Each structure stands twice: as C-alpha cells, then as structure tokens.
PDB file of N, CA and C in Angstrom:
ATOM      1  N   MET A   1     244.600-116.114 256.200  1.00  0.00           N
ATOM      2  CA  MET A   1     244.805-114.885 255.466  1.00  0.00           C
ATOM      3  C   MET A   1     246.044-114.191 256.012  1.00  0.00           C
ATOM      4  N   GLY A   2     246.975-113.778 255.130  1.00  0.00           N
ATOM      5  CA  GLY A   2     248.222-113.165 255.555  1.00  0.00           C
ATOM      6  C   GLY A   2     248.126-111.664 255.708  1.00  0.00           C
ATOM      7  N   ASP A   3     249.285-111.068 255.905  1.00  0.00           N
ATOM      8  CA  ASP A   3     249.363-109.619 256.032  1.00  0.00           C
ATOM      9  C   ASP A   3     249.231-108.973 254.665  1.00  0.00           C
ATOM     10  N   HIS A   4     248.682-107.756 254.666  1.00  0.00           N
ATOM     11  CA  HIS A   4     248.461-107.029 253.420  1.00  0.00           C
ATOM     12  C   HIS A   4     248.848-105.572 253.639  1.00  0.00           C
ATOM     13  N   LEU A   5     249.779-105.061 252.831  1.00  0.00           N
ATOM     14  CA  LEU A   5     250.211-103.672 252.902  1.00  0.00           C
ATOM     15  C   LEU A   5     249.512-102.895 251.789  1.00  0.00           C
ATOM     16  N   ARG A   6     248.929-101.749 252.162  1.00  0.00           N
ATOM     17  CA  ARG A   6     248.232-100.924 251.165  1.00  0.00           C
ATOM     18  C   ARG A   6     248.284 -99.467 251.597  1.00  0.00           C
ATOM     19  N   ARG A   7     247.961 -98.591 250.666  1.00  0.00           N
ATOM     20  CA  ARG A   7     247.886 -97.157 250.994  1.00  0.00           C
ATOM     21  C   ARG A   7     246.735 -96.908 251.951  1.00  0.00           C
ATOM     22  N   ALA A   8     246.949 -96.004 252.877  1.00  0.00           N
ATOM     23  CA  ALA A   8     245.902 -95.633 253.834  1.00  0.00           C
ATOM     24  C   ALA A   8     244.833 -94.806 253.132  1.00  0.00           C
ATOM     25  N   THR A   9     243.611 -94.951 253.603  1.00  0.00           N
ATOM     26  CA  THR A   9     242.496 -94.155 253.108  1.00  0.00           C
ATOM     27  C   THR A   9     241.837 -93.458 254.300  1.00  0.00           C
ATOM     28  N   THR A  10     240.918 -92.565 254.009  1.00  0.00           N
ATOM     29  CA  THR A  10     240.215 -91.877 255.095  1.00  0.00           C
ATOM     30  C   THR A  10     239.430 -92.860 255.958  1.00  0.00           C
ATOM     31  N   ASP A  11     239.072 -94.006 255.420  1.00  0.00           N
ATOM     32  CA  ASP A  11     238.378 -95.027 256.212  1.00  0.00           C
ATOM     33  C   ASP A  11     239.269 -95.606 257.313  1.00  0.00           C
ATOM     34  N   ASP A  12     240.566 -95.403 257.209  1.00  0.00           N
ATOM     35  CA  ASP A  12     241.521 -95.947 258.188  1.00  0.00           C
ATOM     36  C   ASP A  12     241.831 -94.985 259.327  1.00  0.00           C
ATOM     37  N   ILE A  13     241.315 -93.776 259.290  1.00  0.00           N
ATOM     38  CA  ILE A  13     241.719 -92.757 260.256  1.00  0.00           C
ATOM     39  C   ILE A  13     241.451 -93.169 261.698  1.00  0.00           C
ATOM     40  N   SER A  14     240.344 -93.819 261.980  1.00  0.00           N
ATOM     41  CA  SER A  14     240.083 -94.255 263.366  1.00  0.00           C
ATOM     42  C   SER A  14     241.156 -95.225 263.850  1.00  0.00           C
ATOM     43  N   ALA A  15     241.481 -96.203 263.024  1.00  0.00           N
ATOM     44  CA  ALA A  15     242.514 -97.177 263.399  1.00  0.00           C
ATOM     45  C   ALA A  15     243.875 -96.501 263.518  1.00  0.00           C
ATOM     46  N   LEU A  16     244.197 -95.600 262.593  1.00  0.00           N
ATOM     47  CA  LEU A  16     245.469 -94.891 262.637  1.00  0.00           C
ATOM     48  C   LEU A  16     245.573 -94.035 263.896  1.00  0.00           C
ATOM     49  N   SER A  17     244.472 -93.428 264.298  1.00  0.00           N
ATOM     50  CA  SER A  17     244.460 -92.598 265.510  1.00  0.00           C
ATOM     51  C   SER A  17     244.804 -93.424 266.738  1.00  0.00           C
ATOM     52  N   ARG A  18     244.197 -94.591 266.848  1.00  0.00           N
ATOM     53  CA  ARG A  18     244.485 -95.463 267.995  1.00  0.00           C
ATOM     54  C   ARG A  18     245.947 -95.921 267.973  1.00  0.00           C
ATOM     55  N   LEU A  19     246.453 -96.252 266.789  1.00  0.00           N
ATOM     56  CA  LEU A  19     247.841 -96.692 266.686  1.00  0.00           C
ATOM     57  C   LEU A  19     248.812 -95.569 267.061  1.00  0.00           C
ATOM     58  N   LEU A  20     248.508 -94.338 266.666  1.00  0.00           N
ATOM     59  CA  LEU A  20     249.376 -93.215 267.020  1.00  0.00           C
ATOM     60  C   LEU A  20     249.440 -93.009 268.532  1.00  0.00           C
ATOM     61  N   VAL A  21     248.300 -93.120 269.195  1.00  0.00           N
ATOM     62  CA  VAL A  21     248.282 -92.966 270.648  1.00  0.00           C
ATOM     63  C   VAL A  21     249.103 -94.071 271.306  1.00  0.00           C
ATOM     64  N   GLN A  22     248.997 -95.283 270.807  1.00  0.00           N
ATOM     65  CA  GLN A  22     249.810 -96.385 271.340  1.00  0.00           C
ATOM     66  C   GLN A  22     251.299 -96.112 271.118  1.00  0.00           C
ATOM     67  N   LEU A  23     251.639 -95.611 269.943  1.00  0.00           N
ATOM     68  CA  LEU A  23     253.035 -95.316 269.622  1.00  0.00           C
ATOM     69  C   LEU A  23     253.600 -94.253 270.558  1.00  0.00           C
ATOM     70  N   TYR A  24     252.866 -93.148 270.738  1.00  0.00           N
ATOM     71  CA  TYR A  24     253.332 -92.099 271.635  1.00  0.00           C
ATOM     72  C   TYR A  24     253.455 -92.619 273.066  1.00  0.00           C
ATOM     73  N   GLY A  25     252.525 -93.442 273.503  1.00  0.00           N
ATOM     74  CA  GLY A  25     252.594 -94.004 274.852  1.00  0.00           C
ATOM     75  C   GLY A  25     253.821 -94.866 275.054  1.00  0.00           C
ATOM     76  N   TYR A  26     254.258 -95.538 274.009  1.00  0.00           N
ATOM     77  CA  TYR A  26     255.417 -96.425 274.093  1.00  0.00           C
ATOM     78  C   TYR A  26     256.728 -95.648 273.937  1.00  0.00           C
ATOM     79  N   GLU A  27     256.793 -94.775 272.911  1.00  0.00           N
ATOM     80  CA  GLU A  27     258.051 -94.101 272.606  1.00  0.00           C
ATOM     81  C   GLU A  27     258.281 -92.822 273.406  1.00  0.00           C
ATOM     82  N   LEU A  28     257.201 -92.133 273.781  1.00  0.00           N
ATOM     83  CA  LEU A  28     257.320 -90.878 274.518  1.00  0.00           C
ATOM     84  C   LEU A  28     256.357 -90.878 275.699  1.00  0.00           C
ATOM     85  N   PRO A  29     256.574 -91.763 276.673  1.00  0.00           N
ATOM     86  CA  PRO A  29     255.647 -91.854 277.794  1.00  0.00           C
ATOM     87  C   PRO A  29     255.469 -90.505 278.489  1.00  0.00           C
ATOM     88  N   GLY A  30     254.216 -90.176 278.769  1.00  0.00           N
ATOM     89  CA  GLY A  30     253.907 -88.933 279.460  1.00  0.00           C
ATOM     90  C   GLY A  30     253.714 -87.742 278.545  1.00  0.00           C
ATOM     91  N   MET A  31     254.057 -87.860 277.262  1.00  0.00           N
ATOM     92  CA  MET A  31     253.874 -86.726 276.358  1.00  0.00           C
ATOM     93  C   MET A  31     252.387 -86.402 276.202  1.00  0.00           C
ATOM     94  N   LEU A  32     251.572 -87.428 276.030  1.00  0.00           N
ATOM     95  CA  LEU A  32     250.127 -87.243 275.963  1.00  0.00           C
ATOM     96  C   LEU A  32     249.556 -87.597 277.328  1.00  0.00           C
ATOM     97  N   THR A  33     248.692 -86.740 277.824  1.00  0.00           N
ATOM     98  CA  THR A  33     248.084 -86.993 279.120  1.00  0.00           C
ATOM     99  C   THR A  33     246.572 -86.939 278.979  1.00  0.00           C
ATOM    100  N   GLY A  34     245.896 -87.292 280.029  1.00  0.00           N
ATOM    101  CA  GLY A  34     244.441 -87.258 279.997  1.00  0.00           C
ATOM    102  C   GLY A  34     243.871 -88.575 279.527  1.00  0.00           C
ATOM    103  N   LYS A  35     242.585 -88.568 279.301  1.00  0.00           N
ATOM    104  CA  LYS A  35     241.883 -89.788 278.912  1.00  0.00           C
ATOM    105  C   LYS A  35     242.305 -90.243 277.515  1.00  0.00           C
ATOM    106  N   VAL A  36     242.414 -91.541 277.356  1.00  0.00           N
ATOM    107  CA  VAL A  36     242.823 -92.114 276.076  1.00  0.00           C
ATOM    108  C   VAL A  36     241.863 -91.680 274.966  1.00  0.00           C
ATOM    109  N   GLU A  37     240.576 -91.594 275.272  1.00  0.00           N
ATOM    110  CA  GLU A  37     239.597 -91.182 274.253  1.00  0.00           C
ATOM    111  C   GLU A  37     239.916 -89.787 273.721  1.00  0.00           C
ATOM    112  N   ALA A  38     240.356 -88.879 274.598  1.00  0.00           N
ATOM    113  CA  ALA A  38     240.713 -87.525 274.177  1.00  0.00           C
ATOM    114  C   ALA A  38     241.996 -87.545 273.344  1.00  0.00           C
ATOM    115  N   GLN A  39     242.937 -88.395 273.721  1.00  0.00           N
ATOM    116  CA  GLN A  39     244.171 -88.523 272.946  1.00  0.00           C
ATOM    117  C   GLN A  39     243.864 -89.028 271.537  1.00  0.00           C
ATOM    118  N   VAL A  40     242.992 -90.023 271.437  1.00  0.00           N
ATOM    119  CA  VAL A  40     242.607 -90.578 270.140  1.00  0.00           C
ATOM    120  C   VAL A  40     241.888 -89.511 269.308  1.00  0.00           C
ATOM    121  N   GLU A  41     241.041 -88.714 269.945  1.00  0.00           N
ATOM    122  CA  GLU A  41     240.335 -87.647 269.232  1.00  0.00           C
ATOM    123  C   GLU A  41     241.316 -86.627 268.677  1.00  0.00           C
ATOM    124  N   LEU A  42     242.324 -86.247 269.444  1.00  0.00           N
ATOM    125  CA  LEU A  42     243.331 -85.315 268.950  1.00  0.00           C
ATOM    126  C   LEU A  42     244.081 -85.914 267.770  1.00  0.00           C
ATOM    127  N   ALA A  43     244.470 -87.171 267.878  1.00  0.00           N
ATOM    128  CA  ALA A  43     245.166 -87.842 266.776  1.00  0.00           C
ATOM    129  C   ALA A  43     244.279 -87.887 265.529  1.00  0.00           C
ATOM    130  N   ARG A  44     242.993 -88.129 265.714  1.00  0.00           N
ATOM    131  CA  ARG A  44     242.068 -88.160 264.579  1.00  0.00           C
ATOM    132  C   ARG A  44     242.029 -86.801 263.893  1.00  0.00           C
ATOM    133  N   ARG A  45     241.952 -85.744 264.670  1.00  0.00           N
ATOM    134  CA  ARG A  45     241.914 -84.396 264.094  1.00  0.00           C
ATOM    135  C   ARG A  45     243.207 -84.078 263.348  1.00  0.00           C
ATOM    136  N   LEU A  46     244.329 -84.498 263.918  1.00  0.00           N
ATOM    137  CA  LEU A  46     245.611 -84.267 263.251  1.00  0.00           C
ATOM    138  C   LEU A  46     245.672 -85.013 261.921  1.00  0.00           C
ATOM    139  N   LEU A  47     245.245 -86.257 261.915  1.00  0.00           N
ATOM    140  CA  LEU A  47     245.271 -87.052 260.685  1.00  0.00           C
ATOM    141  C   LEU A  47     244.319 -86.503 259.631  1.00  0.00           C
ATOM    142  N   GLN A  48     243.176 -86.006 260.058  1.00  0.00           N
ATOM    143  CA  GLN A  48     242.211 -85.476 259.105  1.00  0.00           C
ATOM    144  C   GLN A  48     242.614 -84.110 258.554  1.00  0.00           C
ATOM    145  N   SER A  49     243.540 -83.431 259.213  1.00  0.00           N
ATOM    146  CA  SER A  49     243.888 -82.071 258.830  1.00  0.00           C
ATOM    147  C   SER A  49     244.827 -81.984 257.635  1.00  0.00           C
ATOM    148  N   ALA A  50     245.469 -83.073 257.306  1.00  0.00           N
ATOM    149  CA  ALA A  50     246.444 -83.060 256.215  1.00  0.00           C
ATOM    150  C   ALA A  50     246.223 -84.287 255.343  1.00  0.00           C
ATOM    151  N   PRO A  51     246.658 -84.208 254.094  1.00  0.00           N
ATOM    152  CA  PRO A  51     246.506 -85.386 253.230  1.00  0.00           C
ATOM    153  C   PRO A  51     247.241 -86.595 253.819  1.00  0.00           C
ATOM    154  N   LEU A  52     246.701 -87.762 253.578  1.00  0.00           N
ATOM    155  CA  LEU A  52     247.356 -88.982 254.061  1.00  0.00           C
ATOM    156  C   LEU A  52     248.656 -89.238 253.315  1.00  0.00           C
ATOM    157  N   GLY A  53     248.796 -88.611 252.167  1.00  0.00           N
ATOM    158  CA  GLY A  53     250.051 -88.683 251.425  1.00  0.00           C
ATOM    159  C   GLY A  53     250.472 -90.114 251.149  1.00  0.00           C
ATOM    160  N   ARG A  54     251.693 -90.398 251.479  1.00  0.00           N
ATOM    161  CA  ARG A  54     252.250 -91.727 251.222  1.00  0.00           C
ATOM    162  C   ARG A  54     252.241 -92.551 252.502  1.00  0.00           C
ATOM    163  N   ARG A  55     251.121 -92.481 253.220  1.00  0.00           N
ATOM    164  CA  ARG A  55     250.948 -93.257 254.443  1.00  0.00           C
ATOM    165  C   ARG A  55     250.380 -94.618 254.063  1.00  0.00           C
ATOM    166  N   TYR A  56     250.894 -95.655 254.694  1.00  0.00           N
ATOM    167  CA  TYR A  56     250.488 -97.029 254.407  1.00  0.00           C
ATOM    168  C   TYR A  56     249.980 -97.700 255.679  1.00  0.00           C
ATOM    169  N   VAL A  57     249.143 -98.698 255.489  1.00  0.00           N
ATOM    170  CA  VAL A  57     248.669 -99.495 256.609  1.00  0.00           C
ATOM    171  C   VAL A  57     248.992-100.961 256.347  1.00  0.00           C
ATOM    172  N   LEU A  58     249.181-101.686 257.435  1.00  0.00           N
ATOM    173  CA  LEU A  58     249.365-103.130 257.377  1.00  0.00           C
ATOM    174  C   LEU A  58     248.112-103.762 257.947  1.00  0.00           C
ATOM    175  N   GLU A  59     247.461-104.592 257.152  1.00  0.00           N
ATOM    176  CA  GLU A  59     246.253-105.286 257.596  1.00  0.00           C
ATOM    177  C   GLU A  59     246.572-106.746 257.871  1.00  0.00           C
ATOM    178  N   ARG A  60     245.948-107.240 258.905  1.00  0.00           N
ATOM    179  CA  ARG A  60     246.030-108.667 259.231  1.00  0.00           C
ATOM    180  C   ARG A  60     244.614-109.116 259.536  1.00  0.00           C
ATOM    181  N   ALA A  61     244.140-110.071 258.777  1.00  0.00           N
ATOM    182  CA  ALA A  61     242.778-110.595 258.933  1.00  0.00           C
ATOM    183  C   ALA A  61     241.749-109.454 258.868  1.00  0.00           C
ATOM    184  N   GLY A  62     241.995-108.496 257.965  1.00  0.00           N
ATOM    185  CA  GLY A  62     241.052-107.405 257.762  1.00  0.00           C
ATOM    186  C   GLY A  62     241.135-106.288 258.777  1.00  0.00           C
ATOM    187  N   GLU A  63     242.072-106.366 259.735  1.00  0.00           N
ATOM    188  CA  GLU A  63     242.206-105.337 260.775  1.00  0.00           C
ATOM    189  C   GLU A  63     243.526-104.594 260.581  1.00  0.00           C
ATOM    190  N   VAL A  64     243.500-103.265 260.708  1.00  0.00           N
ATOM    191  CA  VAL A  64     244.717-102.466 260.600  1.00  0.00           C
ATOM    192  C   VAL A  64     245.537-102.673 261.875  1.00  0.00           C
ATOM    193  N   VAL A  65     246.755-103.201 261.718  1.00  0.00           N
ATOM    194  CA  VAL A  65     247.602-103.505 262.872  1.00  0.00           C
ATOM    195  C   VAL A  65     248.920-102.731 262.848  1.00  0.00           C
ATOM    196  N   GLY A  66     249.175-102.004 261.777  1.00  0.00           N
ATOM    197  CA  GLY A  66     250.407-101.239 261.684  1.00  0.00           C
ATOM    198  C   GLY A  66     250.284-100.150 260.653  1.00  0.00           C
ATOM    199  N   MET A  67     251.224 -99.218 260.706  1.00  0.00           N
ATOM    200  CA  MET A  67     251.214 -98.124 259.741  1.00  0.00           C
ATOM    201  C   MET A  67     252.626 -97.607 259.551  1.00  0.00           C
ATOM    202  N   GLY A  68     252.801 -96.898 258.465  1.00  0.00           N
ATOM    203  CA  GLY A  68     254.082 -96.275 258.175  1.00  0.00           C
ATOM    204  C   GLY A  68     253.877 -95.181 257.149  1.00  0.00           C
ATOM    205  N   CYS A  69     254.899 -94.345 257.000  1.00  0.00           N
ATOM    206  CA  CYS A  69     254.807 -93.238 256.055  1.00  0.00           C
ATOM    207  C   CYS A  69     256.142 -93.135 255.338  1.00  0.00           C
ATOM    208  N   LEU A  70     256.079 -92.985 254.047  1.00  0.00           N
ATOM    209  CA  LEU A  70     257.274 -92.827 253.242  1.00  0.00           C
ATOM    210  C   LEU A  70     257.353 -91.367 252.812  1.00  0.00           C
ATOM    211  N   ALA A  71     258.408 -90.698 253.218  1.00  0.00           N
ATOM    212  CA  ALA A  71     258.610 -89.302 252.843  1.00  0.00           C
ATOM    213  C   ALA A  71     260.018 -89.157 252.277  1.00  0.00           C
ATOM    214  N   THR A  72     260.130 -88.331 251.268  1.00  0.00           N
ATOM    215  CA  THR A  72     261.423 -88.054 250.650  1.00  0.00           C
ATOM    216  C   THR A  72     261.581 -86.542 250.533  1.00  0.00           C
ATOM    217  N   SER A  73     262.754 -86.104 250.126  1.00  0.00           N
ATOM    218  CA  SER A  73     262.941 -84.656 249.943  1.00  0.00           C
ATOM    219  C   SER A  73     262.060 -84.139 248.816  1.00  0.00           C
ATOM    220  N   ASP A  74     261.784 -84.981 247.832  1.00  0.00           N
ATOM    221  CA  ASP A  74     260.896 -84.576 246.732  1.00  0.00           C
ATOM    222  C   ASP A  74     259.422 -84.614 247.137  1.00  0.00           C
ATOM    223  N   GLU A  75     259.075 -85.516 248.038  1.00  0.00           N
ATOM    224  CA  GLU A  75     257.697 -85.650 248.525  1.00  0.00           C
ATOM    225  C   GLU A  75     257.707 -85.733 250.050  1.00  0.00           C
ATOM    226  N   PRO A  76     257.881 -84.567 250.709  1.00  0.00           N
ATOM    227  CA  PRO A  76     257.928 -84.577 252.181  1.00  0.00           C
ATOM    228  C   PRO A  76     256.565 -84.871 252.789  1.00  0.00           C
ATOM    229  N   ARG A  77     256.584 -85.224 254.060  1.00  0.00           N
ATOM    230  CA  ARG A  77     255.344 -85.471 254.799  1.00  0.00           C
ATOM    231  C   ARG A  77     254.583 -84.153 254.880  1.00  0.00           C
ATOM    232  N   PRO A  78     253.264 -84.182 254.661  1.00  0.00           N
ATOM    233  CA  PRO A  78     252.487 -82.939 254.768  1.00  0.00           C
ATOM    234  C   PRO A  78     252.552 -82.370 256.180  1.00  0.00           C
ATOM    235  N   GLU A  79     252.614 -81.055 256.275  1.00  0.00           N
ATOM    236  CA  GLU A  79     252.657 -80.405 257.574  1.00  0.00           C
ATOM    237  C   GLU A  79     251.261 -80.325 258.176  1.00  0.00           C
ATOM    238  N   THR A  80     251.209 -80.407 259.491  1.00  0.00           N
ATOM    239  CA  THR A  80     249.949 -80.259 260.215  1.00  0.00           C
ATOM    240  C   THR A  80     249.638 -78.771 260.340  1.00  0.00           C
ATOM    241  N   PRO A  81     248.443 -78.353 259.943  1.00  0.00           N
ATOM    242  CA  PRO A  81     248.099 -76.938 260.076  1.00  0.00           C
ATOM    243  C   PRO A  81     248.124 -76.506 261.552  1.00  0.00           C
ATOM    244  N   PRO A  82     248.708 -75.334 261.845  1.00  0.00           N
ATOM    245  CA  PRO A  82     248.783 -74.866 263.236  1.00  0.00           C
ATOM    246  C   PRO A  82     247.416 -74.788 263.917  1.00  0.00           C
ATOM    247  N   ARG A  83     246.358 -74.494 263.169  1.00  0.00           N
ATOM    248  CA  ARG A  83     245.029 -74.374 263.783  1.00  0.00           C
ATOM    249  C   ARG A  83     244.617 -75.677 264.454  1.00  0.00           C
ATOM    250  N   VAL A  84     245.074 -76.806 263.934  1.00  0.00           N
ATOM    251  CA  VAL A  84     244.733 -78.096 264.525  1.00  0.00           C
ATOM    252  C   VAL A  84     245.534 -78.313 265.801  1.00  0.00           C
ATOM    253  N   LEU A  85     246.800 -77.944 265.788  1.00  0.00           N
ATOM    254  CA  LEU A  85     247.623 -78.091 266.991  1.00  0.00           C
ATOM    255  C   LEU A  85     247.088 -77.227 268.128  1.00  0.00           C
ATOM    256  N   LEU A  86     246.539 -76.071 267.788  1.00  0.00           N
ATOM    257  CA  LEU A  86     246.002 -75.182 268.814  1.00  0.00           C
ATOM    258  C   LEU A  86     244.742 -75.743 269.467  1.00  0.00           C
ATOM    259  N   GLN A  87     244.135 -76.771 268.869  1.00  0.00           N
ATOM    260  CA  GLN A  87     242.949 -77.401 269.440  1.00  0.00           C
ATOM    261  C   GLN A  87     243.292 -78.349 270.586  1.00  0.00           C
ATOM    262  N   ALA A  88     244.560 -78.730 270.717  1.00  0.00           N
ATOM    263  CA  ALA A  88     244.967 -79.742 271.697  1.00  0.00           C
ATOM    264  C   ALA A  88     244.467 -79.454 273.121  1.00  0.00           C
ATOM    265  N   PRO A  89     244.639 -78.239 273.648  1.00  0.00           N
ATOM    266  CA  PRO A  89     244.170 -78.013 275.016  1.00  0.00           C
ATOM    267  C   PRO A  89     242.654 -78.179 275.172  1.00  0.00           C
ATOM    268  N   PHE A  90     241.912 -77.868 274.137  1.00  0.00           N
ATOM    269  CA  PHE A  90     240.456 -77.981 274.214  1.00  0.00           C
ATOM    270  C   PHE A  90     239.998 -79.431 274.113  1.00  0.00           C
ATOM    271  N   VAL A  91     240.740 -80.225 273.357  1.00  0.00           N
ATOM    272  CA  VAL A  91     240.384 -81.634 273.178  1.00  0.00           C
ATOM    273  C   VAL A  91     240.835 -82.449 274.383  1.00  0.00           C
ATOM    274  N   MET A  92     242.043 -82.199 274.863  1.00  0.00           N
ATOM    275  CA  MET A  92     242.637 -83.033 275.909  1.00  0.00           C
ATOM    276  C   MET A  92     242.425 -82.488 277.308  1.00  0.00           C
ATOM    277  N   GLY A  93     241.978 -81.246 277.416  1.00  0.00           N
ATOM    278  CA  GLY A  93     241.761 -80.671 278.733  1.00  0.00           C
ATOM    279  C   GLY A  93     243.016 -80.004 279.259  1.00  0.00           C
ATOM    280  N   PRO A  94     242.888 -79.274 280.353  1.00  0.00           N
ATOM    281  CA  PRO A  94     244.042 -78.569 280.913  1.00  0.00           C
ATOM    282  C   PRO A  94     245.058 -79.535 281.502  1.00  0.00           C
ATOM    283  N   GLN A  95     246.298 -79.121 281.461  1.00  0.00           N
ATOM    284  CA  GLN A  95     247.389 -79.916 282.052  1.00  0.00           C
ATOM    285  C   GLN A  95     247.435 -79.653 283.544  1.00  0.00           C
ATOM    286  N   ASN A  96     247.648 -80.698 284.312  1.00  0.00           N
ATOM    287  CA  ASN A  96     247.833 -80.542 285.750  1.00  0.00           C
ATOM    288  C   ASN A  96     249.316 -80.385 286.023  1.00  0.00           C
ATOM    289  N   GLY A  97     249.702 -79.337 286.619  1.00  0.00           N
ATOM    290  CA  GLY A  97     251.119 -79.100 286.849  1.00  0.00           C
ATOM    291  C   GLY A  97     251.422 -79.190 288.242  1.00  0.00           C
TER     292      GLY A  97
END
C-alpha cells in the first residue's frame, strides 16, 4: 500500500499533535520544554481551537506520517485564539529559569 494524501479531519488531531511536537523539537530545539505528554496536550488544544482549514495529512499503511497546510492570501491559516495560548503554562508547567 502506497502513500495517500488527504484532507485532515478531527480524527487526525492526536497524530497531528505528535507530529507538531516532533517538528518543534527538530526545528526549534528548546522552544517546548517539559514532558513530551504535556507538549502533545498543548499541541492538541491548539489544533482543536481552530478549524483544520486546508490542512492535509500523508498516510502510509494507514498511519499518519506527515502533514502540511496550504494557505493563501485569499484563504489564510486560521488564527489560534489567545485563550488557548494562555493555557500553555497550565498545561506544560512552570518554566525553570
């Protein structure tokens, strides 16, 4: 069975959350701190807070292995509501400085 690209659905949010945490860990090391489970929970809340819009997933053998989002000036990416961003300290715990 080959790769399959399709629009993301709410059923994909758990997989998308894990992929986002992996992406941040690779591209912005140290930006997210604390337990991985808390990072995934924050990503899940962020994804659930706004429409999935034109977000796509790549499936391989029935498993979501990649994602992407197509945004244009006519159809920009939905903004994350500030109330969700304010949850970050409660979900991830205090920062150690």
